[in-house]
Protein backbone atom coordinates (compact mmCIF):
# COMPACT_ATOMS: atom_id res chain seq x y z
CA MET A 1 74.91 -13.31 -26.56
CA ASP A 2 78.37 -12.69 -25.29
CA GLY A 3 77.33 -12.10 -21.63
CA THR A 4 77.95 -8.35 -21.60
CA VAL A 5 75.43 -6.01 -20.12
CA ARG A 6 74.23 -3.26 -22.38
CA GLU A 7 72.86 0.00 -21.09
CA SER A 8 69.61 1.26 -22.48
CA SER A 9 69.74 3.83 -25.24
CA ASP A 10 68.10 6.53 -23.13
CA SER A 11 70.40 6.28 -20.11
CA SER A 12 71.13 10.00 -20.31
CA ALA A 13 67.48 10.85 -19.61
CA ALA A 14 66.64 12.51 -16.31
CA PRO A 15 65.18 10.39 -13.50
CA PRO A 16 61.40 10.15 -13.48
CA PRO A 17 59.61 12.94 -11.62
CA ILE A 18 58.37 12.26 -8.11
CA PHE A 19 54.61 12.15 -8.14
CA ARG A 20 53.08 13.96 -5.21
CA GLY A 21 49.50 13.56 -6.25
CA ASN A 22 48.53 11.44 -3.27
CA GLU A 23 50.57 13.30 -0.66
CA GLY A 24 47.41 14.84 0.78
CA SER A 25 45.83 11.44 1.25
CA LEU A 26 48.95 10.16 2.99
CA VAL A 27 48.93 13.10 5.39
CA SER A 28 45.23 12.55 5.99
CA ALA A 29 45.79 8.86 6.71
CA LEU A 30 48.63 9.70 9.09
CA LYS A 31 46.45 12.19 10.95
CA VAL A 32 43.70 9.60 11.32
CA LEU A 33 46.20 7.02 12.53
CA LEU A 34 47.73 9.40 15.08
CA PHE A 35 44.29 10.46 16.31
CA PHE A 36 43.19 6.88 16.91
CA THR A 37 46.54 6.01 18.49
CA PHE A 38 46.11 8.88 20.94
CA LEU A 39 42.52 7.79 21.57
CA MET A 40 43.60 4.17 22.09
CA VAL A 41 46.09 5.17 24.78
CA THR A 42 44.17 7.85 26.64
CA LEU A 43 40.51 6.77 26.53
CA PRO A 44 40.75 3.30 28.14
CA ILE A 45 43.20 4.45 30.81
CA GLY A 46 41.17 7.55 31.58
CA LEU A 47 37.91 5.62 31.71
CA TYR A 48 39.49 2.97 33.92
CA PHE A 49 40.60 5.40 36.61
CA ALA A 50 37.58 7.69 36.33
CA SER A 51 35.03 4.89 36.54
CA LYS A 52 36.92 3.20 39.37
CA ALA A 53 37.17 6.33 41.49
CA TYR A 54 33.94 8.17 40.72
CA ILE A 55 31.40 5.56 39.65
CA PHE A 56 32.23 2.29 41.36
CA GLU A 57 33.94 3.44 44.57
CA GLY A 58 32.31 6.87 44.81
CA ALA A 59 28.69 6.54 43.72
CA MET A 60 28.18 2.79 44.13
CA LYS A 61 30.35 2.39 47.28
CA MET A 62 32.00 -0.81 46.02
CA SER A 63 35.11 -2.28 47.57
CA SER A 64 38.47 -1.62 45.96
CA SER A 65 38.83 -5.18 44.64
CA ASP A 66 35.37 -5.13 43.03
CA SER A 67 35.91 -1.71 41.50
CA TYR A 68 39.15 -2.89 39.83
CA PHE A 69 37.26 -5.65 38.09
CA TYR A 70 34.38 -3.53 36.78
CA ALA A 71 36.64 -0.64 35.80
CA ALA A 72 38.77 -3.07 33.77
CA ILE A 73 35.63 -4.22 31.94
CA ILE A 74 34.84 -0.58 31.08
CA ALA A 75 38.40 -0.08 29.78
CA VAL A 76 38.25 -3.21 27.61
CA LEU A 77 34.93 -2.10 26.15
CA ALA A 78 36.47 1.30 25.37
CA VAL A 79 39.33 -0.41 23.50
CA HIS A 80 36.83 -2.34 21.40
CA VAL A 81 34.83 0.79 20.61
CA VAL A 82 37.96 2.68 19.51
CA LEU A 83 39.07 -0.24 17.34
CA ALA A 84 35.63 -0.53 15.75
CA LEU A 85 35.62 3.21 15.02
CA PHE A 86 39.08 2.99 13.48
CA VAL A 87 38.05 0.11 11.22
CA TYR A 88 34.91 2.01 10.19
CA VAL A 89 36.84 5.18 9.37
CA ALA A 90 39.59 3.27 7.55
CA TRP A 91 37.04 1.29 5.54
CA ASN A 92 35.15 4.40 4.43
CA GLU A 93 38.18 6.62 3.86
CA GLY A 94 38.75 5.59 0.27
CA ALA A 95 35.09 5.38 -0.68
CA PRO A 96 33.86 8.04 -3.09
CA LYS A 97 31.53 10.58 -1.55
CA SER A 98 28.39 10.95 -3.59
CA LYS A 99 25.27 12.90 -2.74
CA GLY A 100 23.17 11.89 -5.70
CA LYS A 101 21.03 8.89 -6.34
CA HIS A 102 22.57 6.04 -8.35
CA ASP A 103 20.43 4.23 -10.89
């Protein structure tokens, strides 16, 4: 052991090939993530303003301060629903799909 570094005997070999076997699953996961990101931004904001204007102030004739409060509750519930759906989809994404009966 003289402290020198030896190169391996097969240093002239080509670099290992890039495996693209799971590229489809990565693209699929990115699409799911982008879909839920879009849903997370648009759904609560849209429900907030729509419920405030049309449901609480329009149909129920609430005051502006009351409609802010109830519309915010609707938006928070929408965030929780989107998050729960994302967790459900992410949890079941890697599960094998089987149609038969397992014994």
